[in-house]
Each structure stands twice: as C-alpha cells, then as structure tokens.
mmCIF file of all heavy atoms, coordinates in Angstrom:
data_MODEL
# 
_entry.id   MODEL 
# 
loop_
_atom_site.group_PDB 
_atom_site.id 
_atom_site.type_symbol 
_atom_site.label_atom_id 
_atom_site.label_alt_id 
_atom_site.label_comp_id 
_atom_site.label_asym_id 
_atom_site.label_entity_id 
_atom_site.label_seq_id 
_atom_site.pdbx_PDB_ins_code 
_atom_site.Cartn_x 
_atom_site.Cartn_y 
_atom_site.Cartn_z 
_atom_site.occupancy 
_atom_site.B_iso_or_equiv 
_atom_site.pdbx_formal_charge 
_atom_site.auth_seq_id 
_atom_site.auth_comp_id 
_atom_site.auth_asym_id 
_atom_site.auth_atom_id 
_atom_site.pdbx_PDB_model_num 
ATOM 1   N N   . GLN A 1 1  ? 31.136 121.582 142.026 1.00 0.00 ? 1  GLN A N   1 
ATOM 2   C CA  . GLN A 1 1  ? 30.919 122.692 142.959 1.00 0.00 ? 1  GLN A CA  1 
ATOM 3   C C   . GLN A 1 1  ? 32.135 123.607 143.022 1.00 0.00 ? 1  GLN A C   1 
ATOM 4   O O   . GLN A 1 1  ? 31.995 124.831 143.109 1.00 0.00 ? 1  GLN A O   1 
ATOM 5   C CB  . GLN A 1 1  ? 30.592 122.157 144.350 1.00 0.00 ? 1  GLN A CB  1 
ATOM 6   C CG  . GLN A 1 1  ? 29.225 121.526 144.480 1.00 0.00 ? 1  GLN A CG  1 
ATOM 7   C CD  . GLN A 1 1  ? 28.997 120.927 145.853 1.00 0.00 ? 1  GLN A CD  1 
ATOM 8   O OE1 . GLN A 1 1  ? 29.921 120.669 146.610 1.00 0.00 ? 1  GLN A OE1 1 
ATOM 9   N NE2 . GLN A 1 1  ? 27.736 120.685 146.169 1.00 0.00 ? 1  GLN A NE2 1 
ATOM 10  N N   . LEU A 1 2  ? 33.329 123.016 142.960 1.00 0.00 ? 2  LEU A N   1 
ATOM 11  C CA  . LEU A 1 2  ? 34.544 123.829 142.955 1.00 0.00 ? 2  LEU A CA  1 
ATOM 12  C C   . LEU A 1 2  ? 34.614 124.720 141.725 1.00 0.00 ? 2  LEU A C   1 
ATOM 13  O O   . LEU A 1 2  ? 35.035 125.872 141.798 1.00 0.00 ? 2  LEU A O   1 
ATOM 14  C CB  . LEU A 1 2  ? 35.795 122.928 143.030 1.00 0.00 ? 2  LEU A CB  1 
ATOM 15  C CG  . LEU A 1 2  ? 36.192 122.465 144.418 1.00 0.00 ? 2  LEU A CG  1 
ATOM 16  C CD1 . LEU A 1 2  ? 37.283 121.397 144.337 1.00 0.00 ? 2  LEU A CD1 1 
ATOM 17  C CD2 . LEU A 1 2  ? 36.646 123.642 145.262 1.00 0.00 ? 2  LEU A CD2 1 
ATOM 18  N N   . GLN A 1 3  ? 34.194 124.200 140.580 1.00 0.00 ? 3  GLN A N   1 
ATOM 19  C CA  . GLN A 1 3  ? 34.174 125.014 139.369 1.00 0.00 ? 3  GLN A CA  1 
ATOM 20  C C   . GLN A 1 3  ? 33.193 126.169 139.495 1.00 0.00 ? 3  GLN A C   1 
ATOM 21  O O   . GLN A 1 3  ? 33.499 127.298 139.108 1.00 0.00 ? 3  GLN A O   1 
ATOM 22  C CB  . GLN A 1 3  ? 33.818 124.164 138.154 1.00 0.00 ? 3  GLN A CB  1 
ATOM 23  C CG  . GLN A 1 3  ? 34.922 123.225 137.711 1.00 0.00 ? 3  GLN A CG  1 
ATOM 24  C CD  . GLN A 1 3  ? 34.499 122.332 136.566 1.00 0.00 ? 3  GLN A CD  1 
ATOM 25  O OE1 . GLN A 1 3  ? 33.304 122.205 136.263 1.00 0.00 ? 3  GLN A OE1 1 
ATOM 26  N NE2 . GLN A 1 3  ? 35.468 121.715 135.903 1.00 0.00 ? 3  GLN A NE2 1 
ATOM 27  N N   . GLN A 1 4  ? 32.017 125.907 140.059 1.00 0.00 ? 4  GLN A N   1 
ATOM 28  C CA  . GLN A 1 4  ? 31.033 126.960 140.259 1.00 0.00 ? 4  GLN A CA  1 
ATOM 29  C C   . GLN A 1 4  ? 31.549 128.034 141.225 1.00 0.00 ? 4  GLN A C   1 
ATOM 30  O O   . GLN A 1 4  ? 31.378 129.235 141.006 1.00 0.00 ? 4  GLN A O   1 
ATOM 31  C CB  . GLN A 1 4  ? 29.723 126.393 140.790 1.00 0.00 ? 4  GLN A CB  1 
ATOM 32  C CG  . GLN A 1 4  ? 28.944 125.595 139.797 1.00 0.00 ? 4  GLN A CG  1 
ATOM 33  C CD  . GLN A 1 4  ? 27.696 124.954 140.409 1.00 0.00 ? 4  GLN A CD  1 
ATOM 34  O OE1 . GLN A 1 4  ? 27.573 124.852 141.626 1.00 0.00 ? 4  GLN A OE1 1 
ATOM 35  N NE2 . GLN A 1 4  ? 26.798 124.496 139.549 1.00 0.00 ? 4  GLN A NE2 1 
ATOM 36  N N   . LEU A 1 5  ? 32.203 127.586 142.280 1.00 0.00 ? 5  LEU A N   1 
ATOM 37  C CA  . LEU A 1 5  ? 32.755 128.536 143.255 1.00 0.00 ? 5  LEU A CA  1 
ATOM 38  C C   . LEU A 1 5  ? 33.897 129.356 142.665 1.00 0.00 ? 5  LEU A C   1 
ATOM 39  O O   . LEU A 1 5  ? 34.032 130.541 142.978 1.00 0.00 ? 5  LEU A O   1 
ATOM 40  C CB  . LEU A 1 5  ? 33.220 127.813 144.524 1.00 0.00 ? 5  LEU A CB  1 
ATOM 41  C CG  . LEU A 1 5  ? 32.104 127.304 145.447 1.00 0.00 ? 5  LEU A CG  1 
ATOM 42  C CD1 . LEU A 1 5  ? 32.695 126.500 146.590 1.00 0.00 ? 5  LEU A CD1 1 
ATOM 43  C CD2 . LEU A 1 5  ? 31.278 128.463 145.970 1.00 0.00 ? 5  LEU A CD2 1 
ATOM 44  N N   . ALA A 1 6  ? 34.679 128.740 141.793 1.00 0.00 ? 6  ALA A N   1 
ATOM 45  C CA  . ALA A 1 6  ? 35.762 129.489 141.141 1.00 0.00 ? 6  ALA A CA  1 
ATOM 46  C C   . ALA A 1 6  ? 35.188 130.579 140.244 1.00 0.00 ? 6  ALA A C   1 
ATOM 47  O O   . ALA A 1 6  ? 35.699 131.705 140.217 1.00 0.00 ? 6  ALA A O   1 
ATOM 48  C CB  . ALA A 1 6  ? 36.632 128.539 140.329 1.00 0.00 ? 6  ALA A CB  1 
ATOM 49  N N   . LYS A 1 7  ? 34.092 130.267 139.553 1.00 0.00 ? 7  LYS A N   1 
ATOM 50  C CA  . LYS A 1 7  ? 33.433 131.271 138.728 1.00 0.00 ? 7  LYS A CA  1 
ATOM 51  C C   . LYS A 1 7  ? 32.842 132.380 139.605 1.00 0.00 ? 7  LYS A C   1 
ATOM 52  O O   . LYS A 1 7  ? 32.992 133.570 139.313 1.00 0.00 ? 7  LYS A O   1 
ATOM 53  C CB  . LYS A 1 7  ? 32.338 130.644 137.869 1.00 0.00 ? 7  LYS A CB  1 
ATOM 54  C CG  . LYS A 1 7  ? 31.659 131.631 136.933 1.00 0.00 ? 7  LYS A CG  1 
ATOM 55  C CD  . LYS A 1 7  ? 30.525 130.987 136.189 1.00 0.00 ? 7  LYS A CD  1 
ATOM 56  C CE  . LYS A 1 7  ? 29.799 131.918 135.262 1.00 0.00 ? 7  LYS A CE  1 
ATOM 57  N NZ  . LYS A 1 7  ? 29.494 133.233 135.776 1.00 0.00 ? 7  LYS A NZ  1 
ATOM 58  N N   . SER A 1 8  ? 32.202 131.988 140.695 1.00 0.00 ? 8  SER A N   1 
ATOM 59  C CA  . SER A 1 8  ? 31.647 132.983 141.628 1.00 0.00 ? 8  SER A CA  1 
ATOM 60  C C   . SER A 1 8  ? 32.733 133.876 142.200 1.00 0.00 ? 8  SER A C   1 
ATOM 61  O O   . SER A 1 8  ? 32.560 135.093 142.351 1.00 0.00 ? 8  SER A O   1 
ATOM 62  C CB  . SER A 1 8  ? 30.896 132.297 142.778 1.00 0.00 ? 8  SER A CB  1 
ATOM 63  O OG  . SER A 1 8  ? 29.785 131.599 142.305 1.00 0.00 ? 8  SER A OG  1 
ATOM 64  N N   . ARG A 1 9  ? 33.857 133.253 142.548 1.00 0.00 ? 9  ARG A N   1 
ATOM 65  C CA  . ARG A 1 9  ? 34.980 134.033 143.083 1.00 0.00 ? 9  ARG A CA  1 
ATOM 66  C C   . ARG A 1 9  ? 35.470 135.041 142.069 1.00 0.00 ? 9  ARG A C   1 
ATOM 67  O O   . ARG A 1 9  ? 35.693 136.216 142.395 1.00 0.00 ? 9  ARG A O   1 
ATOM 68  C CB  . ARG A 1 9  ? 36.109 133.105 143.514 1.00 0.00 ? 9  ARG A CB  1 
ATOM 69  C CG  . ARG A 1 9  ? 37.294 133.836 144.118 1.00 0.00 ? 9  ARG A CG  1 
ATOM 70  C CD  . ARG A 1 9  ? 38.383 132.912 144.656 1.00 0.00 ? 9  ARG A CD  1 
ATOM 71  N NE  . ARG A 1 9  ? 38.606 131.700 143.891 1.00 0.00 ? 9  ARG A NE  1 
ATOM 72  C CZ  . ARG A 1 9  ? 39.361 131.604 142.801 1.00 0.00 ? 9  ARG A CZ  1 
ATOM 73  N NH1 . ARG A 1 9  ? 39.956 132.674 142.328 1.00 0.00 ? 9  ARG A NH1 1 
ATOM 74  N NH2 . ARG A 1 9  ? 39.521 130.452 142.187 1.00 0.00 ? 9  ARG A NH2 1 
ATOM 75  N N   . ALA A 1 10 ? 35.608 134.628 140.832 1.00 0.00 ? 10 ALA A N   1 
ATOM 76  C CA  . ALA A 1 10 ? 36.073 135.548 139.782 1.00 0.00 ? 10 ALA A CA  1 
ATOM 77  C C   . ALA A 1 10 ? 35.064 136.679 139.585 1.00 0.00 ? 10 ALA A C   1 
ATOM 78  O O   . ALA A 1 10 ? 35.460 137.855 139.443 1.00 0.00 ? 10 ALA A O   1 
ATOM 79  C CB  . ALA A 1 10 ? 36.285 134.783 138.479 1.00 0.00 ? 10 ALA A CB  1 
ATOM 80  N N   . ASP A 1 11 ? 33.772 136.351 139.586 1.00 0.00 ? 11 ASP A N   1 
ATOM 81  C CA  . ASP A 1 11 ? 32.740 137.385 139.428 1.00 0.00 ? 11 ASP A CA  1 
ATOM 82  C C   . ASP A 1 11 ? 32.767 138.375 140.599 1.00 0.00 ? 11 ASP A C   1 
ATOM 83  O O   . ASP A 1 11 ? 32.634 139.584 140.412 1.00 0.00 ? 11 ASP A O   1 
ATOM 84  C CB  . ASP A 1 11 ? 31.344 136.757 139.336 1.00 0.00 ? 11 ASP A CB  1 
ATOM 85  C CG  . ASP A 1 11 ? 31.146 135.980 138.045 1.00 0.00 ? 11 ASP A CG  1 
ATOM 86  O OD1 . ASP A 1 11 ? 31.952 136.153 137.092 1.00 0.00 ? 11 ASP A OD1 1 
ATOM 87  O OD2 . ASP A 1 11 ? 30.191 135.167 137.984 1.00 0.00 ? 11 ASP A OD2 1 
ATOM 88  N N   . LEU A 1 12 ? 32.929 137.853 141.798 1.00 0.00 ? 12 LEU A N   1 
ATOM 89  C CA  . LEU A 1 12 ? 32.979 138.719 142.980 1.00 0.00 ? 12 LEU A CA  1 
ATOM 90  C C   . LEU A 1 12 ? 34.208 139.634 142.955 1.00 0.00 ? 12 LEU A C   1 
ATOM 91  O O   . LEU A 1 12 ? 34.124 140.809 143.290 1.00 0.00 ? 12 LEU A O   1 
ATOM 92  C CB  . LEU A 1 12 ? 32.979 137.885 144.263 1.00 0.00 ? 12 LEU A CB  1 
ATOM 93  C CG  . LEU A 1 12 ? 31.632 137.321 144.680 1.00 0.00 ? 12 LEU A CG  1 
ATOM 94  C CD1 . LEU A 1 12 ? 31.793 136.320 145.822 1.00 0.00 ? 12 LEU A CD1 1 
ATOM 95  C CD2 . LEU A 1 12 ? 30.671 138.420 145.075 1.00 0.00 ? 12 LEU A CD2 1 
ATOM 96  N N   . GLU A 1 13 ? 35.344 139.077 142.553 1.00 0.00 ? 13 GLU A N   1 
ATOM 97  C CA  . GLU A 1 13 ? 36.559 139.887 142.473 1.00 0.00 ? 13 GLU A CA  1 
ATOM 98  C C   . GLU A 1 13 ? 36.387 141.020 141.462 1.00 0.00 ? 13 GLU A C   1 
ATOM 99  O O   . GLU A 1 13 ? 36.801 142.156 141.699 1.00 0.00 ? 13 GLU A O   1 
ATOM 100 C CB  . GLU A 1 13 ? 37.765 139.015 142.122 1.00 0.00 ? 13 GLU A CB  1 
ATOM 101 C CG  . GLU A 1 13 ? 38.201 138.121 143.270 1.00 0.00 ? 13 GLU A CG  1 
ATOM 102 C CD  . GLU A 1 13 ? 39.214 137.076 142.867 1.00 0.00 ? 13 GLU A CD  1 
ATOM 103 O OE1 . GLU A 1 13 ? 39.461 136.881 141.645 1.00 0.00 ? 13 GLU A OE1 1 
ATOM 104 O OE2 . GLU A 1 13 ? 39.793 136.438 143.781 1.00 0.00 ? 13 GLU A OE2 1 
ATOM 105 N N   . SER A 1 14 ? 35.749 140.709 140.345 1.00 0.00 ? 14 SER A N   1 
ATOM 106 C CA  . SER A 1 14 ? 35.474 141.733 139.337 1.00 0.00 ? 14 SER A CA  1 
ATOM 107 C C   . SER A 1 14 ? 34.512 142.792 139.876 1.00 0.00 ? 14 SER A C   1 
ATOM 108 O O   . SER A 1 14 ? 34.718 143.997 139.674 1.00 0.00 ? 14 SER A O   1 
ATOM 109 C CB  . SER A 1 14 ? 34.888 141.077 138.102 1.00 0.00 ? 14 SER A CB  1 
ATOM 110 O OG  . SER A 1 14 ? 34.462 142.037 137.178 1.00 0.00 ? 14 SER A OG  1 
ATOM 111 N N   . ALA A 1 15 ? 33.470 142.362 140.585 1.00 0.00 ? 15 ALA A N   1 
ATOM 112 C CA  . ALA A 1 15 ? 32.510 143.296 141.149 1.00 0.00 ? 15 ALA A CA  1 
ATOM 113 C C   . ALA A 1 15 ? 33.158 144.173 142.224 1.00 0.00 ? 15 ALA A C   1 
ATOM 114 O O   . ALA A 1 15 ? 32.822 145.359 142.353 1.00 0.00 ? 15 ALA A O   1 
ATOM 115 C CB  . ALA A 1 15 ? 31.321 142.543 141.727 1.00 0.00 ? 15 ALA A CB  1 
ATOM 116 N N   . ILE A 1 16 ? 34.088 143.629 142.981 1.00 0.00 ? 16 ILE A N   1 
ATOM 117 C CA  . ILE A 1 16 ? 34.791 144.407 144.004 1.00 0.00 ? 16 ILE A CA  1 
ATOM 118 C C   . ILE A 1 16 ? 35.629 145.486 143.354 1.00 0.00 ? 16 ILE A C   1 
ATOM 119 O O   . ILE A 1 16 ? 35.651 146.646 143.811 1.00 0.00 ? 16 ILE A O   1 
ATOM 120 C CB  . ILE A 1 16 ? 35.645 143.482 144.906 1.00 0.00 ? 16 ILE A CB  1 
ATOM 121 C CG1 . ILE A 1 16 ? 34.735 142.658 145.815 1.00 0.00 ? 16 ILE A CG1 1 
ATOM 122 C CG2 . ILE A 1 16 ? 36.640 144.288 145.745 1.00 0.00 ? 16 ILE A CG2 1 
ATOM 123 C CD1 . ILE A 1 16 ? 35.454 141.561 146.579 1.00 0.00 ? 16 ILE A CD1 1 
ATOM 124 N N   . VAL A 1 17 ? 36.334 145.133 142.278 1.00 0.00 ? 17 VAL A N   1 
ATOM 125 C CA  . VAL A 1 17 ? 37.131 146.135 141.568 1.00 0.00 ? 17 VAL A CA  1 
ATOM 126 C C   . VAL A 1 17 ? 36.236 147.250 141.054 1.00 0.00 ? 17 VAL A C   1 
ATOM 127 O O   . VAL A 1 17 ? 36.575 148.433 141.174 1.00 0.00 ? 17 VAL A O   1 
ATOM 128 C CB  . VAL A 1 17 ? 37.913 145.446 140.416 1.00 0.00 ? 17 VAL A CB  1 
ATOM 129 C CG1 . VAL A 1 17 ? 38.541 146.482 139.500 1.00 0.00 ? 17 VAL A CG1 1 
ATOM 130 C CG2 . VAL A 1 17 ? 38.987 144.518 140.982 1.00 0.00 ? 17 VAL A CG2 1 
ATOM 131 N N   . THR A 1 18 ? 35.087 146.884 140.501 1.00 0.00 ? 18 THR A N   1 
ATOM 132 C CA  . THR A 1 18 ? 34.156 147.899 139.989 1.00 0.00 ? 18 THR A CA  1 
ATOM 133 C C   . THR A 1 18 ? 33.632 148.790 141.114 1.00 0.00 ? 18 THR A C   1 
ATOM 134 O O   . THR A 1 18 ? 33.582 150.008 140.984 1.00 0.00 ? 18 THR A O   1 
ATOM 135 C CB  . THR A 1 18 ? 32.975 147.220 139.272 1.00 0.00 ? 18 THR A CB  1 
ATOM 136 O OG1 . THR A 1 18 ? 33.484 146.384 138.230 1.00 0.00 ? 18 THR A OG1 1 
ATOM 137 C CG2 . THR A 1 18 ? 32.015 148.219 138.699 1.00 0.00 ? 18 THR A CG2 1 
ATOM 138 N N   . ALA A 1 19 ? 33.242 148.179 142.225 1.00 0.00 ? 19 ALA A N   1 
ATOM 139 C CA  . ALA A 1 19 ? 32.719 148.957 143.360 1.00 0.00 ? 19 ALA A CA  1 
ATOM 140 C C   . ALA A 1 19 ? 33.794 149.856 143.946 1.00 0.00 ? 19 ALA A C   1 
ATOM 141 O O   . ALA A 1 19 ? 33.513 151.005 144.334 1.00 0.00 ? 19 ALA A O   1 
ATOM 142 C CB  . ALA A 1 19 ? 32.173 148.024 144.442 1.00 0.00 ? 19 ALA A CB  1 
ATOM 143 N N   . ASP A 1 20 ? 35.032 149.355 144.019 1.00 0.00 ? 20 ASP A N   1 
ATOM 144 C CA  . ASP A 1 20 ? 36.121 150.215 144.505 1.00 0.00 ? 20 ASP A CA  1 
ATOM 145 C C   . ASP A 1 20 ? 36.351 151.397 143.579 1.00 0.00 ? 20 ASP A C   1 
ATOM 146 O O   . ASP A 1 20 ? 36.598 152.509 144.041 1.00 0.00 ? 20 ASP A O   1 
ATOM 147 C CB  . ASP A 1 20 ? 37.407 149.391 144.641 1.00 0.00 ? 20 ASP A CB  1 
ATOM 148 C CG  . ASP A 1 20 ? 37.407 148.493 145.862 1.00 0.00 ? 20 ASP A CG  1 
ATOM 149 O OD1 . ASP A 1 20 ? 36.589 148.726 146.783 1.00 0.00 ? 20 ASP A OD1 1 
ATOM 150 O OD2 . ASP A 1 20 ? 38.222 147.543 145.914 1.00 0.00 ? 20 ASP A OD2 1 
ATOM 151 N N   . ALA A 1 21 ? 36.271 151.150 142.282 1.00 0.00 ? 21 ALA A N   1 
ATOM 152 C CA  . ALA A 1 21 ? 36.440 152.255 141.328 1.00 0.00 ? 21 ALA A CA  1 
ATOM 153 C C   . ALA A 1 21 ? 35.320 153.274 141.478 1.00 0.00 ? 21 ALA A C   1 
ATOM 154 O O   . ALA A 1 21 ? 35.567 154.480 141.457 1.00 0.00 ? 21 ALA A O   1 
ATOM 155 C CB  . ALA A 1 21 ? 36.469 151.706 139.899 1.00 0.00 ? 21 ALA A CB  1 
ATOM 156 N N   . GLU A 1 22 ? 34.076 152.803 141.657 1.00 0.00 ? 22 GLU A N   1 
ATOM 157 C CA  . GLU A 1 22 ? 32.954 153.722 141.872 1.00 0.00 ? 22 GLU A CA  1 
ATOM 158 C C   . GLU A 1 22 ? 33.130 154.522 143.161 1.00 0.00 ? 22 GLU A C   1 
ATOM 159 O O   . GLU A 1 22 ? 32.828 155.725 143.208 1.00 0.00 ? 22 GLU A O   1 
ATOM 160 C CB  . GLU A 1 22 ? 31.637 152.951 141.922 1.00 0.00 ? 22 GLU A CB  1 
ATOM 161 C CG  . GLU A 1 22 ? 31.200 152.417 140.584 1.00 0.00 ? 22 GLU A CG  1 
ATOM 162 C CD  . GLU A 1 22 ? 29.928 151.570 140.706 1.00 0.00 ? 22 GLU A CD  1 
ATOM 163 O OE1 . GLU A 1 22 ? 29.286 151.589 141.785 1.00 0.00 ? 22 GLU A OE1 1 
ATOM 164 O OE2 . GLU A 1 22 ? 29.580 150.894 139.724 1.00 0.00 ? 22 GLU A OE2 1 
ATOM 165 N N   . ALA A 1 23 ? 33.610 153.843 144.205 1.00 0.00 ? 23 ALA A N   1 
ATOM 166 C CA  . ALA A 1 23 ? 33.826 154.527 145.479 1.00 0.00 ? 23 ALA A CA  1 
ATOM 167 C C   . ALA A 1 23 ? 34.895 155.603 145.343 1.00 0.00 ? 23 ALA A C   1 
ATOM 168 O O   . ALA A 1 23 ? 34.779 156.709 145.889 1.00 0.00 ? 23 ALA A O   1 
ATOM 169 C CB  . ALA A 1 23 ? 34.210 153.526 146.561 1.00 0.00 ? 23 ALA A CB  1 
ATOM 170 N N   . TYR A 1 24 ? 35.937 155.291 144.580 1.00 0.00 ? 24 TYR A N   1 
ATOM 171 C CA  . TYR A 1 24 ? 37.003 156.271 144.365 1.00 0.00 ? 24 TYR A CA  1 
ATOM 172 C C   . TYR A 1 24 ? 36.470 157.470 143.585 1.00 0.00 ? 24 TYR A C   1 
ATOM 173 O O   . TYR A 1 24 ? 36.737 158.623 143.914 1.00 0.00 ? 24 TYR A O   1 
ATOM 174 C CB  . TYR A 1 24 ? 38.159 155.614 143.625 1.00 0.00 ? 24 TYR A CB  1 
ATOM 175 C CG  . TYR A 1 24 ? 39.259 156.601 143.289 1.00 0.00 ? 24 TYR A CG  1 
ATOM 176 C CD1 . TYR A 1 24 ? 40.119 157.067 144.270 1.00 0.00 ? 24 TYR A CD1 1 
ATOM 177 C CD2 . TYR A 1 24 ? 39.411 157.077 141.987 1.00 0.00 ? 24 TYR A CD2 1 
ATOM 178 C CE1 . TYR A 1 24 ? 41.107 157.986 143.969 1.00 0.00 ? 24 TYR A CE1 1 
ATOM 179 C CE2 . TYR A 1 24 ? 40.385 157.991 141.683 1.00 0.00 ? 24 TYR A CE2 1 
ATOM 180 C CZ  . TYR A 1 24 ? 41.248 158.445 142.680 1.00 0.00 ? 24 TYR A CZ  1 
ATOM 181 O OH  . TYR A 1 24 ? 42.219 159.362 142.367 1.00 0.00 ? 24 TYR A OH  1 
ATOM 182 N N   . GLN A 1 25 ? 35.690 157.192 142.533 1.00 0.00 ? 25 GLN A N   1 
ATOM 183 C CA  . GLN A 1 25 ? 35.120 158.278 141.736 1.00 0.00 ? 25 GLN A CA  1 
ATOM 184 C C   . GLN A 1 25 ? 34.160 159.121 142.561 1.00 0.00 ? 25 GLN A C   1 
ATOM 185 O O   . GLN A 1 25 ? 34.147 160.343 142.449 1.00 0.00 ? 25 GLN A O   1 
ATOM 186 C CB  . GLN A 1 25 ? 34.387 157.717 140.517 1.00 0.00 ? 25 GLN A CB  1 
ATOM 187 C CG  . GLN A 1 25 ? 35.318 157.140 139.484 1.00 0.00 ? 25 GLN A CG  1 
ATOM 188 C CD  . GLN A 1 25 ? 34.564 156.443 138.362 1.00 0.00 ? 25 GLN A CD  1 
ATOM 189 O OE1 . GLN A 1 25 ? 33.357 156.262 138.431 1.00 0.00 ? 25 GLN A OE1 1 
ATOM 190 N NE2 . GLN A 1 25 ? 35.306 156.035 137.339 1.00 0.00 ? 25 GLN A NE2 1 
# 
C-alpha cells in the first residue's frame, strides 16, 4: 500500500505542476 501511495503521490505532484502551469498560461 505504501508503494501504491508513493506512486499516487508522484502522479499527483506531476498533475499539480501541470495544472499550475496551465493556470499561469
């Protein structure tokens, strides 16, 4: 479960960066 959550955390962090970039644009 910790491995799955680590992957989810990494995916969410990536999605946040993308959403922040879209918001800036």
